[in-house]
Amino acid sequence: MRFIADLEIHSRFARACSKDLTIPNIAVWAVKKGLTVCGTGDFTHPLWMKE
């Protein structure tokens, strides 16, 4: 099985990152870039986990 992945995308809760880095926006751009697997940083941030 072959997949293209980006495993280091930060969330909108990271410093110096766009506030547009929401899960829906990340998903849209992942598809446009041909990604089939996407992982985010900041996964322990309480508000990011809530989303």
C-alpha atoms as a PDB file:
ATOM      1  CA  MET A   1       0.000   0.000   0.000  1.00  0.00           C
ATOM      2  CA  ARG A   2       1.305   3.441  -0.890  1.00  0.00           C
ATOM      3  CA  PHE A   3       0.307   6.692   0.752  1.00  0.00           C
ATOM      4  CA  ILE A   4       1.475  10.299   0.828  1.00  0.00           C
ATOM      5  CA  ALA A   5       1.540  11.825   4.295  1.00  0.00           C
ATOM      6  CA  ASP A   6       2.310  15.001   6.182  1.00  0.00           C
ATOM      7  CA  LEU A   7       2.755  14.176   9.843  1.00  0.00           C
ATOM      8  CA  GLU A   8       3.827  17.590  11.132  1.00  0.00           C
ATOM      9  CA  ILE A   9       1.062  20.135  10.625  1.00  0.00           C
ATOM     10  CA  HIS A  10       0.500  22.495  13.519  1.00  0.00           C
ATOM     11  CA  SER A  11      -2.913  23.627  14.656  1.00  0.00           C
ATOM     12  CA  ARG A  12      -4.278  27.134  14.979  1.00  0.00           C
ATOM     13  CA  PHE A  13      -3.346  26.944  18.656  1.00  0.00           C
ATOM     14  CA  ALA A  14       0.390  26.889  17.942  1.00  0.00           C
ATOM     15  CA  ARG A  15       2.291  30.155  18.140  1.00  0.00           C
ATOM     16  CA  ALA A  16       2.972  31.954  14.870  1.00  0.00           C
ATOM     17  CA  CYS A  17       0.485  29.781  12.950  1.00  0.00           C
ATOM     18  CA  SER A  18      -2.550  30.879  10.985  1.00  0.00           C
ATOM     19  CA  LYS A  19      -5.862  30.962  12.821  1.00  0.00           C
ATOM     20  CA  ASP A  20      -7.293  29.348   9.651  1.00  0.00           C
ATOM     21  CA  LEU A  21      -5.620  26.022  10.508  1.00  0.00           C
ATOM     22  CA  THR A  22      -8.870  24.312  11.428  1.00  0.00           C
ATOM     23  CA  ILE A  23      -9.557  20.633  10.827  1.00  0.00           C
ATOM     24  CA  PRO A  24     -11.865  21.345   7.849  1.00  0.00           C
ATOM     25  CA  ASN A  25      -9.322  23.706   6.239  1.00  0.00           C
ATOM     26  CA  ILE A  26      -6.449  21.289   6.807  1.00  0.00           C
ATOM     27  CA  ALA A  27      -8.557  18.534   5.203  1.00  0.00           C
ATOM     28  CA  VAL A  28      -9.370  20.677   2.147  1.00  0.00           C
ATOM     29  CA  TRP A  29      -5.712  21.497   1.518  1.00  0.00           C
ATOM     30  CA  ALA A  30      -4.576  17.942   2.218  1.00  0.00           C
ATOM     31  CA  VAL A  31      -6.864  16.706  -0.571  1.00  0.00           C
ATOM     32  CA  LYS A  32      -5.659  19.453  -2.940  1.00  0.00           C
ATOM     33  CA  LYS A  33      -2.056  18.400  -2.269  1.00  0.00           C
ATOM     34  CA  GLY A  34      -2.825  14.717  -2.789  1.00  0.00           C
ATOM     35  CA  LEU A  35      -2.273  13.712   0.822  1.00  0.00           C
ATOM     36  CA  THR A  36      -3.969  10.555   2.013  1.00  0.00           C
ATOM     37  CA  VAL A  37      -2.696  10.703   5.614  1.00  0.00           C
ATOM     38  CA  CYS A  38      -2.451  13.829   7.718  1.00  0.00           C
ATOM     39  CA  GLY A  39      -1.280  14.180  11.313  1.00  0.00           C
ATOM     40  CA  THR A  40      -1.256  17.322  13.409  1.00  0.00           C
ATOM     41  CA  GLY A  41       0.901  18.669  16.155  1.00  0.00           C
ATOM     42  CA  ASP A  42      -0.525  20.304  19.264  1.00  0.00           C
ATOM     43  CA  PHE A  43      -2.622  17.184  19.853  1.00  0.00           C
ATOM     44  CA  THR A  44      -2.395  17.645  23.622  1.00  0.00           C
ATOM     45  CA  HIS A  45      -3.817  21.184  23.546  1.00  0.00           C
ATOM     46  CA  PRO A  46      -7.216  21.009  25.317  1.00  0.00           C
ATOM     47  CA  LEU A  47      -9.078  23.103  22.726  1.00  0.00           C
ATOM     48  CA  TRP A  48      -7.564  21.181  19.802  1.00  0.00           C
ATOM     49  CA  MET A  49      -8.598  17.883  21.402  1.00  0.00           C
ATOM     50  CA  LYS A  50     -12.112  19.278  21.847  1.00  0.00           C
ATOM     51  CA  GLU A  51     -12.418  19.906  18.092  1.00  0.00           C
END
